[in-house]
Amino acid sequence: MVKNLLKRITPITLVERDGALHEVKVTDITINDVIHISTGSVIPADLKILECENVETNESVLTGESEPVYKKCGDTLFMGTSIESGRARAVVTAIGKDTK
């Protein structure tokens, strides 16, 4: 299942490093990296939301449910799901086969 989810993910994501945003290959992100995601993004790893604005996700790849799921600060975003609307700053909590 992880391989199928990885196929959905854009190969580049925005990561905070050295006080600036950098485009980083998804394969190079690590636990505790802080990433920025927005509408249309496919989540590259399991994340915990630090800051967000009106985030709704599509978790149908995991649950089969097509209704958007509203997310708030402290919530988890799961690898392979997508952002339907809003934007967030989130910390990586699990990558690859360690994701839920």
PDB file of N, CA and C in Angstrom:
ATOM      1  N   MET A   1       0.818  -1.196   0.000  1.00  0.00           N
ATOM      2  CA  MET A   1       0.000   0.000   0.000  1.00  0.00           C
ATOM      3  C   MET A   1       0.861   1.259   0.000  1.00  0.00           C
ATOM      4  N   VAL A   2       1.980   1.245   0.712  1.00  0.00           N
ATOM      5  CA  VAL A   2       2.860   2.407   0.766  1.00  0.00           C
ATOM      6  C   VAL A   2       3.339   2.774  -0.630  1.00  0.00           C
ATOM      7  N   LYS A   3       3.689   1.787  -1.461  1.00  0.00           N
ATOM      8  CA  LYS A   3       4.159   2.079  -2.826  1.00  0.00           C
ATOM      9  C   LYS A   3       3.088   2.814  -3.618  1.00  0.00           C
ATOM     10  N   ASN A   4       1.821   2.402  -3.487  1.00  0.00           N
ATOM     11  CA  ASN A   4       0.734   3.076  -4.204  1.00  0.00           C
ATOM     12  C   ASN A   4       0.574   4.505  -3.728  1.00  0.00           C
ATOM     13  N   LEU A   5       0.696   4.757  -2.423  1.00  0.00           N
ATOM     14  CA  LEU A   5       0.581   6.113  -1.899  1.00  0.00           C
ATOM     15  C   LEU A   5       1.738   6.978  -2.382  1.00  0.00           C
ATOM     16  N   LEU A   6       2.928   6.420  -2.413  1.00  0.00           N
ATOM     17  CA  LEU A   6       4.094   7.184  -2.850  1.00  0.00           C
ATOM     18  C   LEU A   6       3.968   7.641  -4.298  1.00  0.00           C
ATOM     19  N   LYS A   7       3.290   6.871  -5.141  1.00  0.00           N
ATOM     20  CA  LYS A   7       3.101   7.238  -6.540  1.00  0.00           C
ATOM     21  C   LYS A   7       2.274   8.514  -6.682  1.00  0.00           C
ATOM     22  N   ARG A   8       1.406   8.814  -5.698  1.00  0.00           N
ATOM     23  CA  ARG A   8       0.548   9.992  -5.741  1.00  0.00           C
ATOM     24  C   ARG A   8       1.285  11.279  -5.353  1.00  0.00           C
ATOM     25  N   ILE A   9       2.385  11.153  -4.667  1.00  0.00           N
ATOM     26  CA  ILE A   9       3.056  12.299  -4.060  1.00  0.00           C
ATOM     27  C   ILE A   9       3.940  13.028  -5.067  1.00  0.00           C
ATOM     28  N   THR A  10       3.843  14.347  -5.065  1.00  0.00           N
ATOM     29  CA  THR A  10       4.709  15.191  -5.876  1.00  0.00           C
ATOM     30  C   THR A  10       6.140  15.002  -5.379  1.00  0.00           C
ATOM     31  N   PRO A  11       7.123  14.917  -6.261  1.00  0.00           N
ATOM     32  CA  PRO A  11       8.488  14.601  -5.823  1.00  0.00           C
ATOM     33  C   PRO A  11       9.206  15.713  -5.052  1.00  0.00           C
ATOM     34  N   ILE A  12       8.638  16.917  -5.047  1.00  0.00           N
ATOM     35  CA  ILE A  12       9.269  18.057  -4.362  1.00  0.00           C
ATOM     36  C   ILE A  12       8.292  18.645  -3.346  1.00  0.00           C
ATOM     37  N   THR A  13       8.806  19.065  -2.180  1.00  0.00           N
ATOM     38  CA  THR A  13       7.977  19.732  -1.179  1.00  0.00           C
ATOM     39  C   THR A  13       8.748  20.913  -0.606  1.00  0.00           C
ATOM     40  N   LEU A  14       8.041  21.840   0.042  1.00  0.00           N
ATOM     41  CA  LEU A  14       8.676  23.010   0.648  1.00  0.00           C
ATOM     42  C   LEU A  14       9.012  22.716   2.097  1.00  0.00           C
ATOM     43  N   VAL A  15      10.301  22.822   2.434  1.00  0.00           N
ATOM     44  CA  VAL A  15      10.786  22.522   3.778  1.00  0.00           C
ATOM     45  C   VAL A  15      11.476  23.755   4.350  1.00  0.00           C
ATOM     46  N   GLU A  16      11.221  24.021   5.641  1.00  0.00           N
ATOM     47  CA  GLU A  16      11.930  25.100   6.341  1.00  0.00           C
ATOM     48  C   GLU A  16      13.319  24.599   6.729  1.00  0.00           C
ATOM     49  N   ARG A  17      14.327  25.296   6.264  1.00  0.00           N
ATOM     50  CA  ARG A  17      15.706  24.980   6.647  1.00  0.00           C
ATOM     51  C   ARG A  17      16.488  26.275   6.718  1.00  0.00           C
ATOM     52  N   ASP A  18      17.242  26.441   7.786  1.00  0.00           N
ATOM     53  CA  ASP A  18      18.083  27.632   7.977  1.00  0.00           C
ATOM     54  C   ASP A  18      17.275  28.917   7.866  1.00  0.00           C
ATOM     55  N   GLY A  19      16.039  28.898   8.370  1.00  0.00           N
ATOM     56  CA  GLY A  19      15.205  30.093   8.396  1.00  0.00           C
ATOM     57  C   GLY A  19      14.568  30.464   7.075  1.00  0.00           C
ATOM     58  N   ALA A  20      14.661  29.598   6.083  1.00  0.00           N
ATOM     59  CA  ALA A  20      14.079  29.884   4.769  1.00  0.00           C
ATOM     60  C   ALA A  20      13.373  28.643   4.240  1.00  0.00           C
ATOM     61  N   LEU A  21      12.521  28.858   3.227  1.00  0.00           N
ATOM     62  CA  LEU A  21      11.849  27.740   2.565  1.00  0.00           C
ATOM     63  C   LEU A  21      12.706  27.242   1.404  1.00  0.00           C
ATOM     64  N   HIS A  22      12.836  25.920   1.328  1.00  0.00           N
ATOM     65  CA  HIS A  22      13.621  25.300   0.269  1.00  0.00           C
ATOM     66  C   HIS A  22      12.803  24.206  -0.393  1.00  0.00           C
ATOM     67  N   GLU A  23      12.926  24.090  -1.714  1.00  0.00           N
ATOM     68  CA  GLU A  23      12.324  22.965  -2.411  1.00  0.00           C
ATOM     69  C   GLU A  23      13.243  21.771  -2.199  1.00  0.00           C
ATOM     70  N   VAL A  24      12.655  20.699  -1.637  1.00  0.00           N
ATOM     71  CA  VAL A  24      13.434  19.524  -1.270  1.00  0.00           C
ATOM     72  C   VAL A  24      12.764  18.292  -1.859  1.00  0.00           C
ATOM     73  N   LYS A  25      13.561  17.347  -2.331  1.00  0.00           N
ATOM     74  CA  LYS A  25      13.006  16.075  -2.796  1.00  0.00           C
ATOM     75  C   LYS A  25      12.312  15.402  -1.617  1.00  0.00           C
ATOM     76  N   VAL A  26      11.140  14.846  -1.873  1.00  0.00           N
ATOM     77  CA  VAL A  26      10.385  14.151  -0.825  1.00  0.00           C
ATOM     78  C   VAL A  26      11.225  13.041  -0.208  1.00  0.00           C
ATOM     79  N   THR A  27      12.058  12.415  -1.000  1.00  0.00           N
ATOM     80  CA  THR A  27      12.906  11.336  -0.489  1.00  0.00           C
ATOM     81  C   THR A  27      13.968  11.842   0.484  1.00  0.00           C
ATOM     82  N   ASP A  28      14.171  13.168   0.534  1.00  0.00           N
ATOM     83  CA  ASP A  28      15.184  13.743   1.425  1.00  0.00           C
ATOM     84  C   ASP A  28      14.596  14.364   2.692  1.00  0.00           C
ATOM     85  N   ILE A  29      13.272  14.301   2.876  1.00  0.00           N
ATOM     86  CA  ILE A  29      12.715  14.840   4.117  1.00  0.00           C
ATOM     87  C   ILE A  29      12.964  13.849   5.252  1.00  0.00           C
ATOM     88  N   THR A  30      13.046  14.384   6.465  1.00  0.00           N
ATOM     89  CA  THR A  30      13.324  13.550   7.631  1.00  0.00           C
ATOM     90  C   THR A  30      12.344  13.879   8.751  1.00  0.00           C
ATOM     91  N   ILE A  31      12.295  13.008   9.742  1.00  0.00           N
ATOM     92  CA  ILE A  31      11.479  13.241  10.927  1.00  0.00           C
ATOM     93  C   ILE A  31      11.873  14.599  11.504  1.00  0.00           C
ATOM     94  N   ASN A  32      10.887  15.360  11.940  1.00  0.00           N
ATOM     95  CA  ASN A  32      11.021  16.696  12.539  1.00  0.00           C
ATOM     96  C   ASN A  32      11.254  17.820  11.534  1.00  0.00           C
ATOM     97  N   ASP A  33      11.352  17.517  10.232  1.00  0.00           N
ATOM     98  CA  ASP A  33      11.374  18.599   9.246  1.00  0.00           C
ATOM     99  C   ASP A  33      10.032  19.316   9.329  1.00  0.00           C
ATOM    100  N   VAL A  34      10.045  20.611   9.103  1.00  0.00           N
ATOM    101  CA  VAL A  34       8.809  21.392   9.054  1.00  0.00           C
ATOM    102  C   VAL A  34       8.548  21.723   7.595  1.00  0.00           C
ATOM    103  N   ILE A  35       7.356  21.330   7.118  1.00  0.00           N
ATOM    104  CA  ILE A  35       7.030  21.554   5.719  1.00  0.00           C
ATOM    105  C   ILE A  35       5.797  22.438   5.590  1.00  0.00           C
ATOM    106  N   HIS A  36       5.652  23.038   4.419  1.00  0.00           N
ATOM    107  CA  HIS A  36       4.513  23.895   4.100  1.00  0.00           C
ATOM    108  C   HIS A  36       3.714  23.222   3.004  1.00  0.00           C
ATOM    109  N   ILE A  37       2.409  23.125   3.200  1.00  0.00           N
ATOM    110  CA  ILE A  37       1.527  22.498   2.235  1.00  0.00           C
ATOM    111  C   ILE A  37       0.318  23.386   1.994  1.00  0.00           C
ATOM    112  N   SER A  38      -0.277  23.252   0.819  1.00  0.00           N
ATOM    113  CA  SER A  38      -1.437  24.085   0.489  1.00  0.00           C
ATOM    114  C   SER A  38      -2.366  23.325  -0.453  1.00  0.00           C
ATOM    115  N   THR A  39      -3.449  23.990  -0.834  1.00  0.00           N
ATOM    116  CA  THR A  39      -4.461  23.387  -1.691  1.00  0.00           C
ATOM    117  C   THR A  39      -3.811  22.655  -2.866  1.00  0.00           C
ATOM    118  N   GLY A  40      -4.237  21.409  -3.064  1.00  0.00           N
ATOM    119  CA  GLY A  40      -3.719  20.594  -4.151  1.00  0.00           C
ATOM    120  C   GLY A  40      -2.538  19.722  -3.776  1.00  0.00           C
ATOM    121  N   SER A  41      -1.913  19.988  -2.629  1.00  0.00           N
ATOM    122  CA  SER A  41      -0.769  19.189  -2.199  1.00  0.00           C
ATOM    123  C   SER A  41      -1.194  17.781  -1.808  1.00  0.00           C
ATOM    124  N   VAL A  42      -0.374  16.811  -2.173  1.00  0.00           N
ATOM    125  CA  VAL A  42      -0.527  15.453  -1.663  1.00  0.00           C
ATOM    126  C   VAL A  42       0.490  15.324  -0.534  1.00  0.00           C
ATOM    127  N   ILE A  43       0.031  14.860   0.608  1.00  0.00           N
ATOM    128  CA  ILE A  43       0.859  14.826   1.815  1.00  0.00           C
ATOM    129  C   ILE A  43       1.989  13.798   1.640  1.00  0.00           C
ATOM    130  N   PRO A  44       3.282  14.227   1.785  1.00  0.00           N
ATOM    131  CA  PRO A  44       4.414  13.349   1.506  1.00  0.00           C
ATOM    132  C   PRO A  44       4.839  12.438   2.658  1.00  0.00           C
ATOM    133  N   ALA A  45       4.268  12.644   3.845  1.00  0.00           N
ATOM    134  CA  ALA A  45       4.632  11.873   5.039  1.00  0.00           C
ATOM    135  C   ALA A  45       3.524  12.099   6.060  1.00  0.00           C
ATOM    136  N   ASP A  46       3.542  11.383   7.163  1.00  0.00           N
ATOM    137  CA  ASP A  46       2.597  11.708   8.231  1.00  0.00           C
ATOM    138  C   ASP A  46       3.079  12.982   8.901  1.00  0.00           C
ATOM    139  N   LEU A  47       2.152  13.900   9.148  1.00  0.00           N
ATOM    140  CA  LEU A  47       2.489  15.216   9.669  1.00  0.00           C
ATOM    141  C   LEU A  47       1.600  15.583  10.847  1.00  0.00           C
ATOM    142  N   LYS A  48       2.109  16.432  11.728  1.00  0.00           N
ATOM    143  CA  LYS A  48       1.302  17.032  12.786  1.00  0.00           C
ATOM    144  C   LYS A  48       1.231  18.525  12.479  1.00  0.00           C
ATOM    145  N   ILE A  49       0.006  19.053  12.415  1.00  0.00           N
ATOM    146  CA  ILE A  49      -0.185  20.455  12.043  1.00  0.00           C
ATOM    147  C   ILE A  49       0.271  21.379  13.170  1.00  0.00           C
ATOM    148  N   LEU A  50       1.133  22.331  12.820  1.00  0.00           N
ATOM    149  CA  LEU A  50       1.598  23.348  13.759  1.00  0.00           C
ATOM    150  C   LEU A  50       0.782  24.628  13.625  1.00  0.00           C
ATOM    151  N   GLU A  51       0.516  25.025  12.405  1.00  0.00           N
ATOM    152  CA  GLU A  51      -0.280  26.217  12.087  1.00  0.00           C
ATOM    153  C   GLU A  51      -1.102  25.894  10.855  1.00  0.00           C
ATOM    154  N   CYS A  52      -2.336  26.440  10.801  1.00  0.00           N
ATOM    155  CA  CYS A  52      -3.131  26.162   9.603  1.00  0.00           C
ATOM    156  C   CYS A  52      -4.198  27.222   9.397  1.00  0.00           C
ATOM    157  N   GLU A  53      -4.678  27.260   8.161  1.00  0.00           N
ATOM    158  CA  GLU A  53      -5.773  28.143   7.763  1.00  0.00           C
ATOM    159  C   GLU A  53      -6.777  27.328   6.960  1.00  0.00           C
ATOM    160  N   ASN A  54      -7.935  27.060   7.554  1.00  0.00           N
ATOM    161  CA  ASN A  54      -9.057  26.424   6.856  1.00  0.00           C
ATOM    162  C   ASN A  54      -8.684  25.174   6.069  1.00  0.00           C
ATOM    163  N   VAL A  55      -8.024  24.229   6.702  1.00  0.00           N
ATOM    164  CA  VAL A  55      -7.569  23.021   6.017  1.00  0.00           C
ATOM    165  C   VAL A  55      -8.662  21.958   5.979  1.00  0.00           C
ATOM    166  N   GLU A  56      -8.949  21.511   4.764  1.00  0.00           N
ATOM    167  CA  GLU A  56      -9.821  20.361   4.547  1.00  0.00           C
ATOM    168  C   GLU A  56      -9.046  19.365   3.703  1.00  0.00           C
ATOM    169  N   THR A  57      -9.099  18.100   4.108  1.00  0.00           N
ATOM    170  CA  THR A  57      -8.357  17.075   3.395  1.00  0.00           C
ATOM    171  C   THR A  57      -9.281  16.065   2.749  1.00  0.00           C
ATOM    172  N   ASN A  58      -8.761  15.392   1.743  1.00  0.00           N
ATOM    173  CA  ASN A  58      -9.440  14.270   1.112  1.00  0.00           C
ATOM    174  C   ASN A  58      -8.679  13.022   1.557  1.00  0.00           C
ATOM    175  N   GLU A  59      -9.317  12.201   2.392  1.00  0.00           N
ATOM    176  CA  GLU A  59      -8.684  11.000   2.925  1.00  0.00           C
ATOM    177  C   GLU A  59      -9.241   9.730   2.273  1.00  0.00           C
ATOM    178  N   SER A  60      -9.893   9.889   1.117  1.00  0.00           N
ATOM    179  CA  SER A  60     -10.557   8.751   0.482  1.00  0.00           C
ATOM    180  C   SER A  60      -9.595   7.627   0.100  1.00  0.00           C
ATOM    181  N   VAL A  61      -8.320   7.938  -0.149  1.00  0.00           N
ATOM    182  CA  VAL A  61      -7.366   6.880  -0.484  1.00  0.00           C
ATOM    183  C   VAL A  61      -7.142   5.931   0.689  1.00  0.00           C
ATOM    184  N   LEU A  62      -7.416   6.403   1.912  1.00  0.00           N
ATOM    185  CA  LEU A  62      -7.250   5.566   3.100  1.00  0.00           C
ATOM    186  C   LEU A  62      -8.565   5.015   3.614  1.00  0.00           C
ATOM    187  N   THR A  63      -9.612   5.842   3.545  1.00  0.00           N
ATOM    188  CA  THR A  63     -10.874   5.483   4.200  1.00  0.00           C
ATOM    189  C   THR A  63     -11.998   5.107   3.242  1.00  0.00           C
ATOM    190  N   GLY A  64     -11.877   5.528   1.983  1.00  0.00           N
ATOM    191  CA  GLY A  64     -12.957   5.321   1.027  1.00  0.00           C
ATOM    192  C   GLY A  64     -14.036   6.391   1.130  1.00  0.00           C
ATOM    193  N   GLU A  65     -13.977   7.219   2.153  1.00  0.00           N
ATOM    194  CA  GLU A  65     -14.956   8.282   2.388  1.00  0.00           C
ATOM    195  C   GLU A  65     -14.572   9.508   1.559  1.00  0.00           C
ATOM    196  N   SER A  66     -15.522  10.018   0.766  1.00  0.00           N
ATOM    197  CA  SER A  66     -15.212  11.142  -0.118  1.00  0.00           C
ATOM    198  C   SER A  66     -15.472  12.512   0.501  1.00  0.00           C
ATOM    199  N   GLU A  67     -16.120  12.568   1.650  1.00  0.00           N
ATOM    200  CA  GLU A  67     -16.383  13.857   2.307  1.00  0.00           C
ATOM    201  C   GLU A  67     -15.073  14.469   2.805  1.00  0.00           C
ATOM    202  N   PRO A  68     -14.865  15.780   2.587  1.00  0.00           N
ATOM    203  CA  PRO A  68     -13.661  16.435   3.105  1.00  0.00           C
ATOM    204  C   PRO A  68     -13.625  16.358   4.635  1.00  0.00           C
ATOM    205  N   VAL A  69     -12.410  16.266   5.171  1.00  0.00           N
ATOM    206  CA  VAL A  69     -12.205  16.209   6.613  1.00  0.00           C
ATOM    207  C   VAL A  69     -11.556  17.513   7.049  1.00  0.00           C
ATOM    208  N   TYR A  70     -12.232  18.251   7.945  1.00  0.00           N
ATOM    209  CA  TYR A  70     -11.690  19.510   8.460  1.00  0.00           C
ATOM    210  C   TYR A  70     -10.562  19.210   9.438  1.00  0.00           C
ATOM    211  N   LYS A  71      -9.456  19.932   9.330  1.00  0.00           N
ATOM    212  CA  LYS A  71      -8.300  19.742  10.212  1.00  0.00           C
ATOM    213  C   LYS A  71      -7.985  21.036  10.937  1.00  0.00           C
ATOM    214  N   LYS A  72      -7.454  20.887  12.157  1.00  0.00           N
ATOM    215  CA  LYS A  72      -7.053  22.042  12.964  1.00  0.00           C
ATOM    216  C   LYS A  72      -5.647  21.804  13.514  1.00  0.00           C
ATOM    217  N   CYS A  73      -5.089  22.809  14.163  1.00  0.00           N
ATOM    218  CA  CYS A  73      -3.758  22.673  14.755  1.00  0.00           C
ATOM    219  C   CYS A  73      -3.728  21.487  15.712  1.00  0.00           C
ATOM    220  N   GLY A  74      -2.652  20.710  15.633  1.00  0.00           N
ATOM    221  CA  GLY A  74      -2.496  19.529  16.467  1.00  0.00           C
ATOM    222  C   GLY A  74      -2.974  18.253  15.811  1.00  0.00           C
ATOM    223  N   ASP A  75      -3.791  18.372  14.759  1.00  0.00           N
ATOM    224  CA  ASP A  75      -4.297  17.183  14.062  1.00  0.00           C
ATOM    225  C   ASP A  75      -3.197  16.556  13.199  1.00  0.00           C
ATOM    226  N   THR A  76      -3.436  15.309  12.816  1.00  0.00           N
ATOM    227  CA  THR A  76      -2.511  14.571  11.956  1.00  0.00           C
ATOM    228  C   THR A  76      -2.989  14.615  10.509  1.00  0.00           C
ATOM    229  N   LEU A  77      -2.041  14.788   9.608  1.00  0.00           N
ATOM    230  CA  LEU A  77      -2.268  14.648   8.179  1.00  0.00           C
ATOM    231  C   LEU A  77      -1.546  13.371   7.766  1.00  0.00           C
ATOM    232  N   PHE A  78      -2.211  12.527   6.989  1.00  0.00           N
ATOM    233  CA  PHE A  78      -1.664  11.224   6.654  1.00  0.00           C
ATOM    234  C   PHE A  78      -1.074  11.195   5.249  1.00  0.00           C
ATOM    235  N   MET A  79       0.073  10.526   5.114  1.00  0.00           N
ATOM    236  CA  MET A  79       0.752  10.400   3.831  1.00  0.00           C
ATOM    237  C   MET A  79      -0.211   9.867   2.768  1.00  0.00           C
ATOM    238  N   GLY A  80      -0.184  10.488   1.594  1.00  0.00           N
ATOM    239  CA  GLY A  80      -0.997  10.045   0.465  1.00  0.00           C
ATOM    240  C   GLY A  80      -2.346  10.721   0.369  1.00  0.00           C
ATOM    241  N   THR A  81      -2.788  11.367   1.466  1.00  0.00           N
ATOM    242  CA  THR A  81      -4.030  12.124   1.395  1.00  0.00           C
ATOM    243  C   THR A  81      -3.723  13.479   0.771  1.00  0.00           C
ATOM    244  N   SER A  82      -4.749  14.255   0.447  1.00  0.00           N
ATOM    245  CA  SER A  82      -4.493  15.531  -0.224  1.00  0.00           C
ATOM    246  C   SER A  82      -5.220  16.676   0.461  1.00  0.00           C
ATOM    247  N   ILE A  83      -4.698  17.876   0.234  1.00  0.00           N
ATOM    248  CA  ILE A  83      -5.299  19.096   0.766  1.00  0.00           C
ATOM    249  C   ILE A  83      -6.316  19.598  -0.250  1.00  0.00           C
ATOM    250  N   GLU A  84      -7.587  19.598   0.127  1.00  0.00           N
ATOM    251  CA  GLU A  84      -8.660  20.090  -0.743  1.00  0.00           C
ATOM    252  C   GLU A  84      -8.727  21.611  -0.715  1.00  0.00           C
ATOM    253  N   SER A  85      -8.480  22.189   0.463  1.00  0.00           N
ATOM    254  CA  SER A  85      -8.460  23.646   0.579  1.00  0.00           C
ATOM    255  C   SER A  85      -7.643  24.027   1.804  1.00  0.00           C
ATOM    256  N   GLY A  86      -7.147  25.257   1.781  1.00  0.00           N
ATOM    257  CA  GLY A  86      -6.382  25.782   2.903  1.00  0.00           C
ATOM    258  C   GLY A  86      -4.888  25.583   2.749  1.00  0.00           C
ATOM    259  N   ARG A  87      -4.196  25.903   3.835  1.00  0.00           N
ATOM    260  CA  ARG A  87      -2.746  25.717   3.861  1.00  0.00           C
ATOM    261  C   ARG A  87      -2.313  25.455   5.293  1.00  0.00           C
ATOM    262  N   ALA A  88      -1.136  24.842   5.426  1.00  0.00           N
ATOM    263  CA  ALA A  88      -0.658  24.492   6.755  1.00  0.00           C
ATOM    264  C   ALA A  88       0.864  24.454   6.802  1.00  0.00           C
ATOM    265  N   ARG A  89       1.336  24.597   7.999  1.00  0.00           N
ATOM    266  CA  ARG A  89       2.742  24.391   8.336  1.00  0.00           C
ATOM    267  C   ARG A  89       2.717  23.213   9.298  1.00  0.00           C
ATOM    268  N   ALA A  90       3.497  22.174   9.005  1.00  0.00           N
ATOM    269  CA  ALA A  90       3.390  20.946   9.789  1.00  0.00           C
ATOM    270  C   ALA A  90       4.746  20.267   9.940  1.00  0.00           C
ATOM    271  N   VAL A  91       4.873  19.485  11.004  1.00  0.00           N
ATOM    272  CA  VAL A  91       6.114  18.769  11.284  1.00  0.00           C
ATOM    273  C   VAL A  91       5.964  17.302  10.882  1.00  0.00           C
ATOM    274  N   VAL A  92       7.017  16.757  10.303  1.00  0.00           N
ATOM    275  CA  VAL A  92       7.026  15.358   9.880  1.00  0.00           C
ATOM    276  C   VAL A  92       7.139  14.465  11.112  1.00  0.00           C
ATOM    277  N   THR A  93       6.194  13.513  11.238  1.00  0.00           N
ATOM    278  CA  THR A  93       6.205  12.588  12.368  1.00  0.00           C
ATOM    279  C   THR A  93       6.541  11.158  11.951  1.00  0.00           C
ATOM    280  N   ALA A  94       6.332  10.816  10.694  1.00  0.00           N
ATOM    281  CA  ALA A  94       6.658   9.473  10.188  1.00  0.00           C
ATOM    282  C   ALA A  94       6.813   9.538   8.677  1.00  0.00           C
ATOM    283  N   ILE A  95       7.728   8.718   8.157  1.00  0.00           N
ATOM    284  CA  ILE A  95       7.970   8.681   6.717  1.00  0.00           C
ATOM    285  C   ILE A  95       7.962   7.238   6.221  1.00  0.00           C
ATOM    286  N   GLY A  96       7.723   7.081   4.921  1.00  0.00           N
ATOM    287  CA  GLY A  96       7.789   5.782   4.268  1.00  0.00           C
ATOM    288  C   GLY A  96       6.960   4.705   4.938  1.00  0.00           C
ATOM    289  N   LYS A  97       7.561   3.547   5.160  1.00  0.00           N
ATOM    290  CA  LYS A  97       6.836   2.399   5.717  1.00  0.00           C
ATOM    291  C   LYS A  97       6.411   2.599   7.166  1.00  0.00           C
ATOM    292  N   ASP A  98       6.920   3.635   7.826  1.00  0.00           N
ATOM    293  CA  ASP A  98       6.554   3.902   9.224  1.00  0.00           C
ATOM    294  C   ASP A  98       5.280   4.739   9.347  1.00  0.00           C
ATOM    295  N   THR A  99       4.702   5.157   8.210  1.00  0.00           N
ATOM    296  CA  THR A  99       3.491   5.954   8.254  1.00  0.00           C
ATOM    297  C   THR A  99       2.299   5.089   8.620  1.00  0.00           C
ATOM    298  N   LYS A 100       1.237   5.744   9.092  1.00  0.00           N
ATOM    299  CA  LYS A 100       0.036   4.987   9.487  1.00  0.00           C
ATOM    300  C   LYS A 100      -0.775   4.728   8.302  1.00  0.00           C
TER     301      LYS A 100
END
